[in-house]
Amino acid sequence: MRTTKKYKLNGRPSPRTKKAEFMLSDEEYDVINFYLKKYKIGNRSRWFRETIINHILKNMDMDYPMLFEENEMRR
């Protein structure tokens, strides 16, 4: 019987000590709650963190300086 290998982080994960707060309108709050229920997301805090960080990393990747402009590469 084959067993799966579990990977662990080296050391202890650093605790989250910084707090970020923001306000939502009633409509925004309802849409987020609908989404979380529809996709059965139980950990709302983790979902917010992952969504925000993914958006930031995607934008940073697109804004990364390139040697040539996009129109020059298409020639």
C-alpha atoms as a PDB file:
ATOM      1  CA  MET A   1       0.000   0.000   0.000  1.00  0.00           C
ATOM      2  CA  ARG A   2       1.381   3.371  -0.991  1.00  0.00           C
ATOM      3  CA  THR A   3       1.386   6.211   1.502  1.00  0.00           C
ATOM      4  CA  THR A   4       1.380   9.877   0.665  1.00  0.00           C
ATOM      5  CA  LYS A   5       4.200  12.031   1.896  1.00  0.00           C
ATOM      6  CA  LYS A   6       3.275  15.136   3.857  1.00  0.00           C
ATOM      7  CA  TYR A   7       5.487  18.164   3.548  1.00  0.00           C
ATOM      8  CA  LYS A   8       6.091  20.447   6.502  1.00  0.00           C
ATOM      9  CA  LEU A   9       7.507  23.941   6.713  1.00  0.00           C
ATOM     10  CA  ASN A  10      10.916  24.231   8.287  1.00  0.00           C
ATOM     11  CA  GLY A  11      10.448  25.781  11.697  1.00  0.00           C
ATOM     12  CA  ARG A  12       7.308  27.324  13.042  1.00  0.00           C
ATOM     13  CA  PRO A  13       5.160  29.578  10.879  1.00  0.00           C
ATOM     14  CA  SER A  14       5.357  33.195  11.920  1.00  0.00           C
ATOM     15  CA  PRO A  15       2.230  34.415  13.690  1.00  0.00           C
ATOM     16  CA  ARG A  16       0.124  37.047  12.021  1.00  0.00           C
ATOM     17  CA  THR A  17       0.467  40.139  14.173  1.00  0.00           C
ATOM     18  CA  LYS A  18      -0.618  42.889  11.770  1.00  0.00           C
ATOM     19  CA  LYS A  19      -4.280  43.749  11.397  1.00  0.00           C
ATOM     20  CA  ALA A  20      -5.973  45.193   8.316  1.00  0.00           C
ATOM     21  CA  GLU A  21      -9.556  46.419   8.426  1.00  0.00           C
ATOM     22  CA  PHE A  22     -11.868  47.790   5.759  1.00  0.00           C
ATOM     23  CA  MET A  23     -15.494  48.696   5.421  1.00  0.00           C
ATOM     24  CA  LEU A  24     -18.028  47.243   2.973  1.00  0.00           C
ATOM     25  CA  SER A  25     -21.399  48.427   1.815  1.00  0.00           C
ATOM     26  CA  ASP A  26     -24.398  46.177   2.422  1.00  0.00           C
ATOM     27  CA  GLU A  27     -24.422  45.102  -1.231  1.00  0.00           C
ATOM     28  CA  GLU A  28     -20.705  44.250  -1.243  1.00  0.00           C
ATOM     29  CA  TYR A  29     -21.070  42.278   1.989  1.00  0.00           C
ATOM     30  CA  ASP A  30     -24.027  40.331   0.598  1.00  0.00           C
ATOM     31  CA  VAL A  31     -22.177  39.502  -2.631  1.00  0.00           C
ATOM     32  CA  ILE A  32     -19.147  38.225  -0.704  1.00  0.00           C
ATOM     33  CA  ASN A  33     -21.313  36.110   1.601  1.00  0.00           C
ATOM     34  CA  PHE A  34     -23.175  34.685  -1.409  1.00  0.00           C
ATOM     35  CA  TYR A  35     -19.868  33.780  -3.085  1.00  0.00           C
ATOM     36  CA  LEU A  36     -18.487  32.146   0.070  1.00  0.00           C
ATOM     37  CA  LYS A  37     -21.630  30.047   0.533  1.00  0.00           C
ATOM     38  CA  LYS A  38     -21.840  29.090  -3.151  1.00  0.00           C
ATOM     39  CA  TYR A  39     -18.260  27.805  -3.261  1.00  0.00           C
ATOM     40  CA  LYS A  40     -18.369  26.419   0.312  1.00  0.00           C
ATOM     41  CA  ILE A  41     -15.471  28.517   1.563  1.00  0.00           C
ATOM     42  CA  GLY A  42     -15.264  28.097   5.305  1.00  0.00           C
ATOM     43  CA  ASN A  43     -12.210  30.186   6.147  1.00  0.00           C
ATOM     44  CA  ARG A  44     -13.160  33.716   5.150  1.00  0.00           C
ATOM     45  CA  SER A  45      -9.996  35.319   6.490  1.00  0.00           C
ATOM     46  CA  ARG A  46      -7.778  32.998   4.461  1.00  0.00           C
ATOM     47  CA  TRP A  47      -9.852  33.647   1.335  1.00  0.00           C
ATOM     48  CA  PHE A  48      -9.486  37.424   1.742  1.00  0.00           C
ATOM     49  CA  ARG A  49      -5.712  37.112   2.226  1.00  0.00           C
ATOM     50  CA  GLU A  50      -5.236  34.808  -0.770  1.00  0.00           C
ATOM     51  CA  THR A  51      -7.465  36.900  -3.030  1.00  0.00           C
ATOM     52  CA  ILE A  52      -5.759  40.174  -2.158  1.00  0.00           C
ATOM     53  CA  ILE A  53      -2.206  38.795  -2.343  1.00  0.00           C
ATOM     54  CA  ASN A  54      -2.923  37.037  -5.681  1.00  0.00           C
ATOM     55  CA  HIS A  55      -4.245  40.287  -7.137  1.00  0.00           C
ATOM     56  CA  ILE A  56      -1.201  42.219  -5.929  1.00  0.00           C
ATOM     57  CA  LEU A  57       1.275  39.641  -7.255  1.00  0.00           C
ATOM     58  CA  LYS A  58      -0.472  39.508 -10.639  1.00  0.00           C
ATOM     59  CA  ASN A  59      -0.310  43.304 -10.977  1.00  0.00           C
ATOM     60  CA  MET A  60       3.318  43.410  -9.876  1.00  0.00           C
ATOM     61  CA  ASP A  61       4.168  40.763 -12.467  1.00  0.00           C
ATOM     62  CA  MET A  62       2.455  42.775 -15.221  1.00  0.00           C
ATOM     63  CA  ASP A  63       4.195  45.990 -14.108  1.00  0.00           C
ATOM     64  CA  TYR A  64       7.624  44.366 -14.069  1.00  0.00           C
ATOM     65  CA  PRO A  65      10.001  46.336 -16.306  1.00  0.00           C
ATOM     66  CA  MET A  66      10.770  44.682 -19.634  1.00  0.00           C
ATOM     67  CA  LEU A  67      13.611  45.161 -22.052  1.00  0.00           C
ATOM     68  CA  PHE A  68      11.262  45.957 -24.944  1.00  0.00           C
ATOM     69  CA  GLU A  69       7.794  47.467 -25.137  1.00  0.00           C
ATOM     70  CA  GLU A  70       4.926  45.173 -26.121  1.00  0.00           C
ATOM     71  CA  ASN A  71       4.466  46.709 -29.582  1.00  0.00           C
ATOM     72  CA  GLU A  72       8.201  46.269 -30.343  1.00  0.00           C
ATOM     73  CA  MET A  73       8.016  42.557 -29.519  1.00  0.00           C
ATOM     74  CA  ARG A  74       5.077  42.053 -31.910  1.00  0.00           C
ATOM     75  CA  ARG A  75       7.014  43.225 -34.962  1.00  0.00           C
END
